[in-house]
Amino acid sequence: MADLNSPSNPTGAAYSETDLQGVAEVLLRHPHVWVMTDDMYEHLVYDDFEFTTIAQVEPRLYDRTLTVNGVSKAYCMTGWRIGYGGGPKPLIKAMGAIQSNSTANSVLDQPGGGDRGPYRAAGFHPGPQPKLQGAAGPRRRLASTGLPGLFCPRPEGAFYVYPSCAGVIGKRTPAGAPIANDEDFVRYLLEETGVAVVHGAAFGLSPHFRVSYATSTEVLREACARLDRACRALSS
């Protein structure tokens, strides 16, 4: 099975329509391969990027595509763990048989995400939250440009940046400890500055680390300043 996550965790990078056309051309030559597309961050895209999913790009893949999504991110309902999937009926039936015997939802979960749920009563409306969408763009720019000395591509979506810390590998902390890899670097950041990030090896790609900007602008600005000071304190 080919697994697509766009926009992606941990990088925030997303597949354009052209990118997906190239992937689809390969998949059409391999009819035994199914596709699972994780569209959790579909509403969290920026600038002029347009979200596209592979079944839209290539309808011939429709019958072997499983689309999975949920409300945790764009709907500001982190922790509710409400997810859903769409795909061929035999596959969905098999998934339902497994799920019904392994997990169960609270009676509040699905109504909570619907039109008459408690989130609606509290002023939230079904669908992506405009406040989140409006704030995330400037925070993305701050996170990707506020990390001096660290190479950080600006992602198309989600609420993460994934900087490279290759420039600090081989340096030493003020206490003399070597920074041998990205895990050493993020441990140094946590111990010396109180900033918690996730090392790239946890996602299978070093030397990078993941920064989440799903926080206030003030907190993010302070975190970037601490990262800057921590990097400057390292010695060759």
C-alpha atoms as a PDB file:
ATOM      1  CA  MET A   1       0.000   0.000   0.000  1.00  0.00           C
ATOM      2  CA  ALA A   2       1.200   3.518  -0.822  1.00  0.00           C
ATOM      3  CA  ASP A   3       0.659   5.919   2.094  1.00  0.00           C
ATOM      4  CA  LEU A   4       0.240   9.604   1.263  1.00  0.00           C
ATOM      5  CA  ASN A   5       0.091  12.305   3.948  1.00  0.00           C
ATOM      6  CA  SER A   6      -0.457  15.779   2.531  1.00  0.00           C
ATOM      7  CA  PRO A   7       0.018  18.291   4.073  1.00  0.00           C
ATOM      8  CA  SER A   8       2.483  16.239   6.024  1.00  0.00           C
ATOM      9  CA  ASN A   9       3.364  15.675   9.634  1.00  0.00           C
ATOM     10  CA  PRO A  10       6.195  16.386  10.480  1.00  0.00           C
ATOM     11  CA  THR A  11       7.307  18.688   7.645  1.00  0.00           C
ATOM     12  CA  GLY A  12       4.121  20.507   6.600  1.00  0.00           C
ATOM     13  CA  ALA A  13       5.072  19.845   2.980  1.00  0.00           C
ATOM     14  CA  ALA A  14       2.216  19.078   0.586  1.00  0.00           C
ATOM     15  CA  TYR A  15       1.770  17.411  -2.790  1.00  0.00           C
ATOM     16  CA  SER A  16       0.667  19.691  -5.611  1.00  0.00           C
ATOM     17  CA  GLU A  17      -1.671  18.442  -8.327  1.00  0.00           C
ATOM     18  CA  THR A  18       1.347  17.990 -10.600  1.00  0.00           C
ATOM     19  CA  ASP A  19       3.147  15.962  -7.919  1.00  0.00           C
ATOM     20  CA  LEU A  20       0.135  13.678  -7.507  1.00  0.00           C
ATOM     21  CA  GLN A  21      -0.182  13.199 -11.255  1.00  0.00           C
ATOM     22  CA  GLY A  22       3.351  11.813 -11.279  1.00  0.00           C
ATOM     23  CA  VAL A  23       2.580   9.484  -8.358  1.00  0.00           C
ATOM     24  CA  ALA A  24      -0.641   8.352 -10.054  1.00  0.00           C
ATOM     25  CA  GLU A  25       1.168   7.476 -13.270  1.00  0.00           C
ATOM     26  CA  VAL A  26       3.445   5.136 -11.322  1.00  0.00           C
ATOM     27  CA  LEU A  27       0.563   3.574  -9.385  1.00  0.00           C
ATOM     28  CA  LEU A  28      -1.420   2.887 -12.547  1.00  0.00           C
ATOM     29  CA  ARG A  29       1.442   0.676 -13.713  1.00  0.00           C
ATOM     30  CA  HIS A  30       1.179  -1.358 -10.480  1.00  0.00           C
ATOM     31  CA  PRO A  31      -2.459  -2.417 -10.050  1.00  0.00           C
ATOM     32  CA  HIS A  32      -1.690  -4.533  -6.972  1.00  0.00           C
ATOM     33  CA  VAL A  33      -0.780  -1.385  -4.971  1.00  0.00           C
ATOM     34  CA  TRP A  34      -3.536   0.357  -3.019  1.00  0.00           C
ATOM     35  CA  VAL A  35      -3.418   3.944  -1.791  1.00  0.00           C
ATOM     36  CA  MET A  36      -4.148   5.275   1.680  1.00  0.00           C
ATOM     37  CA  THR A  37      -4.309   9.059   1.651  1.00  0.00           C
ATOM     38  CA  ASP A  38      -4.223  10.859   4.994  1.00  0.00           C
ATOM     39  CA  ASP A  39      -5.933  14.227   4.441  1.00  0.00           C
ATOM     40  CA  MET A  40      -6.043  15.356   8.076  1.00  0.00           C
ATOM     41  CA  TYR A  41      -4.559  18.784   7.314  1.00  0.00           C
ATOM     42  CA  GLU A  42      -6.477  19.482   4.092  1.00  0.00           C
ATOM     43  CA  HIS A  43      -7.901  22.784   5.376  1.00  0.00           C
ATOM     44  CA  LEU A  44      -4.600  24.047   6.791  1.00  0.00           C
ATOM     45  CA  VAL A  45      -2.859  25.290   3.648  1.00  0.00           C
ATOM     46  CA  TYR A  46      -1.369  28.712   2.972  1.00  0.00           C
ATOM     47  CA  ASP A  47      -0.732  31.335   0.343  1.00  0.00           C
ATOM     48  CA  ASP A  48      -2.055  30.196  -3.047  1.00  0.00           C
ATOM     49  CA  PHE A  49      -1.548  26.469  -2.499  1.00  0.00           C
ATOM     50  CA  GLU A  50      -4.599  24.394  -3.454  1.00  0.00           C
ATOM     51  CA  PHE A  51      -5.213  21.108  -1.680  1.00  0.00           C
ATOM     52  CA  THR A  52      -5.782  18.132  -3.966  1.00  0.00           C
ATOM     53  CA  THR A  53      -6.222  14.450  -3.187  1.00  0.00           C
ATOM     54  CA  ILE A  54      -5.122  11.645  -5.464  1.00  0.00           C
ATOM     55  CA  ALA A  55      -8.607  10.299  -6.266  1.00  0.00           C
ATOM     56  CA  GLN A  56      -9.452  13.723  -7.715  1.00  0.00           C
ATOM     57  CA  VAL A  57      -6.338  13.757  -9.846  1.00  0.00           C
ATOM     58  CA  GLU A  58      -6.715  10.217 -11.191  1.00  0.00           C
ATOM     59  CA  PRO A  59     -10.265   8.745 -11.013  1.00  0.00           C
ATOM     60  CA  ARG A  60      -8.939   5.375 -12.212  1.00  0.00           C
ATOM     61  CA  LEU A  61      -7.416   4.953  -8.741  1.00  0.00           C
ATOM     62  CA  TYR A  62     -10.740   5.561  -7.017  1.00  0.00           C
ATOM     63  CA  ASP A  63     -11.535   1.875  -6.472  1.00  0.00           C
ATOM     64  CA  ARG A  64      -8.257   1.205  -4.681  1.00  0.00           C
ATOM     65  CA  THR A  65      -7.973   4.404  -2.654  1.00  0.00           C
ATOM     66  CA  LEU A  66      -8.746   4.686   1.056  1.00  0.00           C
ATOM     67  CA  THR A  67      -9.159   8.267   2.260  1.00  0.00           C
ATOM     68  CA  VAL A  68      -8.794   8.884   5.993  1.00  0.00           C
ATOM     69  CA  ASN A  69      -9.480  12.131   7.812  1.00  0.00           C
ATOM     70  CA  GLY A  70     -10.686  13.535  11.123  1.00  0.00           C
ATOM     71  CA  VAL A  71     -11.675  16.621  13.076  1.00  0.00           C
ATOM     72  CA  SER A  72      -8.775  16.956  15.530  1.00  0.00           C
ATOM     73  CA  LYS A  73      -6.701  19.498  13.622  1.00  0.00           C
ATOM     74  CA  ALA A  74      -8.700  21.896  11.450  1.00  0.00           C
ATOM     75  CA  TYR A  75     -11.804  21.663  13.654  1.00  0.00           C
ATOM     76  CA  CYS A  76      -9.881  22.539  16.846  1.00  0.00           C
ATOM     77  CA  MET A  77     -11.035  19.307  18.521  1.00  0.00           C
ATOM     78  CA  THR A  78      -7.694  17.790  19.472  1.00  0.00           C
ATOM     79  CA  GLY A  79      -8.211  14.933  21.912  1.00  0.00           C
ATOM     80  CA  TRP A  80     -11.667  13.932  20.698  1.00  0.00           C
ATOM     81  CA  ARG A  81     -10.124  11.436  18.276  1.00  0.00           C
ATOM     82  CA  ILE A  82     -12.986  11.496  15.803  1.00  0.00           C
ATOM     83  CA  GLY A  83     -11.874  10.018  12.504  1.00  0.00           C
ATOM     84  CA  TYR A  84     -13.525   8.738   9.371  1.00  0.00           C
ATOM     85  CA  GLY A  85     -12.609   6.927   6.210  1.00  0.00           C
ATOM     86  CA  GLY A  86     -13.933   6.558   2.711  1.00  0.00           C
ATOM     87  CA  GLY A  87     -13.159   3.795   0.245  1.00  0.00           C
ATOM     88  CA  PRO A  88     -14.451   0.717  -1.560  1.00  0.00           C
ATOM     89  CA  LYS A  89     -17.353  -0.935   0.271  1.00  0.00           C
ATOM     90  CA  PRO A  90     -15.618  -4.307   0.915  1.00  0.00           C
ATOM     91  CA  LEU A  91     -12.668  -2.534   2.526  1.00  0.00           C
ATOM     92  CA  ILE A  92     -14.843  -0.273   4.685  1.00  0.00           C
ATOM     93  CA  LYS A  93     -16.924  -3.266   5.770  1.00  0.00           C
ATOM     94  CA  ALA A  94     -13.781  -5.115   6.860  1.00  0.00           C
ATOM     95  CA  MET A  95     -12.504  -2.024   8.691  1.00  0.00           C
ATOM     96  CA  GLY A  96     -15.830  -1.706  10.484  1.00  0.00           C
ATOM     97  CA  ALA A  97     -15.709  -5.320  11.610  1.00  0.00           C
ATOM     98  CA  ILE A  98     -12.260  -4.794  13.145  1.00  0.00           C
ATOM     99  CA  GLN A  99     -13.027  -1.409  14.681  1.00  0.00           C
ATOM    100  CA  SER A 100     -16.288  -2.505  16.300  1.00  0.00           C
ATOM    101  CA  ASN A 101     -14.442  -5.189  18.249  1.00  0.00           C
ATOM    102  CA  SER A 102     -11.388  -3.188  19.221  1.00  0.00           C
ATOM    103  CA  THR A 103     -12.349   0.431  19.948  1.00  0.00           C
ATOM    104  CA  ALA A 104     -15.441   2.430  20.804  1.00  0.00           C
ATOM    105  CA  ASN A 105     -16.357   6.116  20.932  1.00  0.00           C
ATOM    106  CA  SER A 106     -17.999   8.126  23.648  1.00  0.00           C
ATOM    107  CA  VAL A 107     -21.648   8.957  22.983  1.00  0.00           C
ATOM    108  CA  LEU A 108     -20.563  12.623  22.910  1.00  0.00           C
ATOM    109  CA  ASP A 109     -17.874  12.283  20.263  1.00  0.00           C
ATOM    110  CA  GLN A 110     -19.784  12.197  17.007  1.00  0.00           C
ATOM    111  CA  PRO A 111     -22.592  14.588  18.072  1.00  0.00           C
ATOM    112  CA  GLY A 112     -19.829  16.855  19.359  1.00  0.00           C
ATOM    113  CA  GLY A 113     -18.485  17.206  15.846  1.00  0.00           C
ATOM    114  CA  GLY A 114     -21.897  17.730  14.298  1.00  0.00           C
ATOM    115  CA  ASP A 115     -24.276  20.598  13.721  1.00  0.00           C
ATOM    116  CA  ARG A 116     -26.032  20.421  17.100  1.00  0.00           C
ATOM    117  CA  GLY A 117     -23.131  19.357  19.294  1.00  0.00           C
ATOM    118  CA  PRO A 118     -21.664  21.160  22.311  1.00  0.00           C
ATOM    119  CA  TYR A 119     -18.984  22.807  20.160  1.00  0.00           C
ATOM    120  CA  ARG A 120     -21.750  24.503  18.152  1.00  0.00           C
ATOM    121  CA  ALA A 121     -23.364  25.693  21.387  1.00  0.00           C
ATOM    122  CA  ALA A 122     -20.019  27.097  22.498  1.00  0.00           C
ATOM    123  CA  GLY A 123     -19.721  29.218  19.361  1.00  0.00           C
ATOM    124  CA  PHE A 124     -17.729  26.850  17.161  1.00  0.00           C
ATOM    125  CA  HIS A 125     -19.169  25.955  13.785  1.00  0.00           C
ATOM    126  CA  PRO A 126     -18.755  22.662  11.953  1.00  0.00           C
ATOM    127  CA  GLY A 127     -15.857  22.983   9.558  1.00  0.00           C
ATOM    128  CA  PRO A 128     -12.378  24.507   9.762  1.00  0.00           C
ATOM    129  CA  GLN A 129     -12.088  27.245  12.360  1.00  0.00           C
ATOM    130  CA  PRO A 130     -11.410  30.663  10.754  1.00  0.00           C
ATOM    131  CA  LYS A 131      -9.508  31.849  13.845  1.00  0.00           C
ATOM    132  CA  LEU A 132      -7.063  28.957  13.527  1.00  0.00           C
ATOM    133  CA  GLN A 133      -6.649  29.419   9.790  1.00  0.00           C
ATOM    134  CA  GLY A 134      -6.096  33.173  10.109  1.00  0.00           C
ATOM    135  CA  ALA A 135      -3.496  32.908  12.869  1.00  0.00           C
ATOM    136  CA  ALA A 136      -1.536  29.950  11.530  1.00  0.00           C
ATOM    137  CA  GLY A 137      -0.206  31.703   8.422  1.00  0.00           C
ATOM    138  CA  PRO A 138       1.735  34.471  10.240  1.00  0.00           C
ATOM    139  CA  ARG A 139       2.971  31.950  12.794  1.00  0.00           C
ATOM    140  CA  ARG A 140       4.250  29.744   9.990  1.00  0.00           C
ATOM    141  CA  ARG A 141       6.253  32.685   8.646  1.00  0.00           C
ATOM    142  CA  LEU A 142       7.581  33.490  12.107  1.00  0.00           C
ATOM    143  CA  ALA A 143       8.615  29.890  12.787  1.00  0.00           C
ATOM    144  CA  SER A 144      10.331  29.433   9.426  1.00  0.00           C
ATOM    145  CA  THR A 145      12.195  32.759   9.448  1.00  0.00           C
ATOM    146  CA  GLY A 146      12.861  33.126  13.175  1.00  0.00           C
ATOM    147  CA  LEU A 147      15.436  30.353  13.451  1.00  0.00           C
ATOM    148  CA  PRO A 148      18.821  31.986  12.680  1.00  0.00           C
ATOM    149  CA  GLY A 149      21.539  29.578  11.598  1.00  0.00           C
ATOM    150  CA  LEU A 150      19.099  26.740  10.933  1.00  0.00           C
ATOM    151  CA  PHE A 151      17.925  25.919   7.415  1.00  0.00           C
ATOM    152  CA  CYS A 152      14.130  25.829   7.465  1.00  0.00           C
ATOM    153  CA  PRO A 153      11.989  25.377   4.326  1.00  0.00           C
ATOM    154  CA  ARG A 154       8.614  27.115   4.460  1.00  0.00           C
ATOM    155  CA  PRO A 155       5.926  24.407   4.312  1.00  0.00           C
ATOM    156  CA  GLU A 156       2.681  24.520   2.336  1.00  0.00           C
ATOM    157  CA  GLY A 157       0.403  23.332   5.121  1.00  0.00           C
ATOM    158  CA  ALA A 158      -0.276  21.805   8.564  1.00  0.00           C
ATOM    159  CA  PHE A 159       1.212  23.623  11.583  1.00  0.00           C
ATOM    160  CA  TYR A 160       4.769  22.347  11.696  1.00  0.00           C
ATOM    161  CA  VAL A 161       8.153  23.387  10.373  1.00  0.00           C
ATOM    162  CA  TYR A 162      10.979  20.881  10.005  1.00  0.00           C
ATOM    163  CA  PRO A 163      14.335  22.675  10.182  1.00  0.00           C
ATOM    164  CA  SER A 164      17.697  21.074   9.507  1.00  0.00           C
ATOM    165  CA  CYS A 165      20.142  21.219  12.389  1.00  0.00           C
ATOM    166  CA  ALA A 166      23.068  19.905  10.308  1.00  0.00           C
ATOM    167  CA  GLY A 167      24.941  23.152  10.960  1.00  0.00           C
ATOM    168  CA  VAL A 168      25.218  22.479  14.690  1.00  0.00           C
ATOM    169  CA  ILE A 169      26.175  18.787  14.526  1.00  0.00           C
ATOM    170  CA  GLY A 170      29.724  18.404  15.823  1.00  0.00           C
ATOM    171  CA  LYS A 171      29.576  21.459  18.080  1.00  0.00           C
ATOM    172  CA  ARG A 172      29.651  21.473  21.879  1.00  0.00           C
ATOM    173  CA  THR A 173      27.305  22.846  24.491  1.00  0.00           C
ATOM    174  CA  PRO A 174      28.494  25.438  27.038  1.00  0.00           C
ATOM    175  CA  ALA A 175      28.980  22.490  29.442  1.00  0.00           C
ATOM    176  CA  GLY A 176      31.261  20.765  26.923  1.00  0.00           C
ATOM    177  CA  ALA A 177      28.860  18.027  25.836  1.00  0.00           C
ATOM    178  CA  PRO A 178      29.089  17.140  22.125  1.00  0.00           C
ATOM    179  CA  ILE A 179      26.141  17.537  19.761  1.00  0.00           C
ATOM    180  CA  ALA A 180      26.541  14.295  17.803  1.00  0.00           C
ATOM    181  CA  ASN A 181      23.049  14.089  16.301  1.00  0.00           C
ATOM    182  CA  ASP A 182      19.619  15.683  16.260  1.00  0.00           C
ATOM    183  CA  GLU A 183      18.562  13.861  19.443  1.00  0.00           C
ATOM    184  CA  ASP A 184      21.481  15.446  21.311  1.00  0.00           C
ATOM    185  CA  PHE A 185      20.441  18.818  19.945  1.00  0.00           C
ATOM    186  CA  VAL A 186      16.790  18.632  21.019  1.00  0.00           C
ATOM    187  CA  ARG A 187      17.822  17.318  24.461  1.00  0.00           C
ATOM    188  CA  TYR A 188      20.152  20.305  24.803  1.00  0.00           C
ATOM    189  CA  LEU A 189      17.321  22.667  23.846  1.00  0.00           C
ATOM    190  CA  LEU A 190      14.971  21.141  26.400  1.00  0.00           C
ATOM    191  CA  GLU A 191      17.489  21.127  29.247  1.00  0.00           C
ATOM    192  CA  GLU A 192      19.004  24.547  28.580  1.00  0.00           C
ATOM    193  CA  THR A 193      16.051  26.577  27.289  1.00  0.00           C
ATOM    194  CA  GLY A 194      12.862  24.700  28.205  1.00  0.00           C
ATOM    195  CA  VAL A 195      11.841  24.531  24.538  1.00  0.00           C
ATOM    196  CA  ALA A 196      10.456  21.112  23.590  1.00  0.00           C
ATOM    197  CA  VAL A 197      10.791  19.975  19.954  1.00  0.00           C
ATOM    198  CA  VAL A 198      10.886  16.488  18.413  1.00  0.00           C
ATOM    199  CA  HIS A 199      14.088  15.090  16.918  1.00  0.00           C
ATOM    200  CA  GLY A 200      14.005  14.062  13.278  1.00  0.00           C
ATOM    201  CA  ALA A 201      15.181  10.506  13.910  1.00  0.00           C
ATOM    202  CA  ALA A 202      11.765   9.833  15.473  1.00  0.00           C
ATOM    203  CA  PHE A 203      10.294  10.432  12.016  1.00  0.00           C
ATOM    204  CA  GLY A 204      13.042   8.631  10.137  1.00  0.00           C
ATOM    205  CA  LEU A 205      14.901  11.686   8.833  1.00  0.00           C
ATOM    206  CA  SER A 206      17.958  13.199  10.494  1.00  0.00           C
ATOM    207  CA  PRO A 207      19.415  15.679  11.183  1.00  0.00           C
ATOM    208  CA  HIS A 208      16.184  17.656  11.526  1.00  0.00           C
ATOM    209  CA  PHE A 209      13.702  18.501  14.254  1.00  0.00           C
ATOM    210  CA  ARG A 210      10.017  19.330  14.276  1.00  0.00           C
ATOM    211  CA  VAL A 211       8.612  22.577  15.628  1.00  0.00           C
ATOM    212  CA  SER A 212       4.873  22.968  16.152  1.00  0.00           C
ATOM    213  CA  TYR A 213       3.566  26.518  15.754  1.00  0.00           C
ATOM    214  CA  ALA A 214       0.079  25.685  17.052  1.00  0.00           C
ATOM    215  CA  THR A 215       0.547  28.121  19.920  1.00  0.00           C
ATOM    216  CA  SER A 216       0.296  31.846  20.539  1.00  0.00           C
ATOM    217  CA  THR A 217       2.478  34.288  18.619  1.00  0.00           C
ATOM    218  CA  GLU A 218       4.008  35.506  21.885  1.00  0.00           C
ATOM    219  CA  VAL A 219       5.015  31.995  22.973  1.00  0.00           C
ATOM    220  CA  LEU A 220       6.375  31.191  19.512  1.00  0.00           C
ATOM    221  CA  ARG A 221       8.416  34.397  19.362  1.00  0.00           C
ATOM    222  CA  GLU A 222       9.931  33.662  22.772  1.00  0.00           C
ATOM    223  CA  ALA A 223      10.719  30.076  21.746  1.00  0.00           C
ATOM    224  CA  CYS A 224      12.499  31.276  18.597  1.00  0.00           C
ATOM    225  CA  ALA A 225      14.530  33.744  20.677  1.00  0.00           C
ATOM    226  CA  ARG A 226      15.562  30.941  23.033  1.00  0.00           C
ATOM    227  CA  LEU A 227      16.540  28.731  20.116  1.00  0.00           C
ATOM    228  CA  ASP A 228      18.643  31.550  18.719  1.00  0.00           C
ATOM    229  CA  ARG A 229      20.470  32.049  22.015  1.00  0.00           C
ATOM    230  CA  ALA A 230      21.023  28.311  22.421  1.00  0.00           C
ATOM    231  CA  CYS A 231      22.542  27.980  18.945  1.00  0.00           C
ATOM    232  CA  ARG A 232      24.819  30.975  19.499  1.00  0.00           C
ATOM    233  CA  ALA A 233      26.041  29.443  22.767  1.00  0.00           C
ATOM    234  CA  LEU A 234      27.381  26.347  21.004  1.00  0.00           C
ATOM    235  CA  SER A 235      31.100  26.216  20.249  1.00  0.00           C
ATOM    236  CA  SER A 236      33.092  24.457  17.539  1.00  0.00           C
END
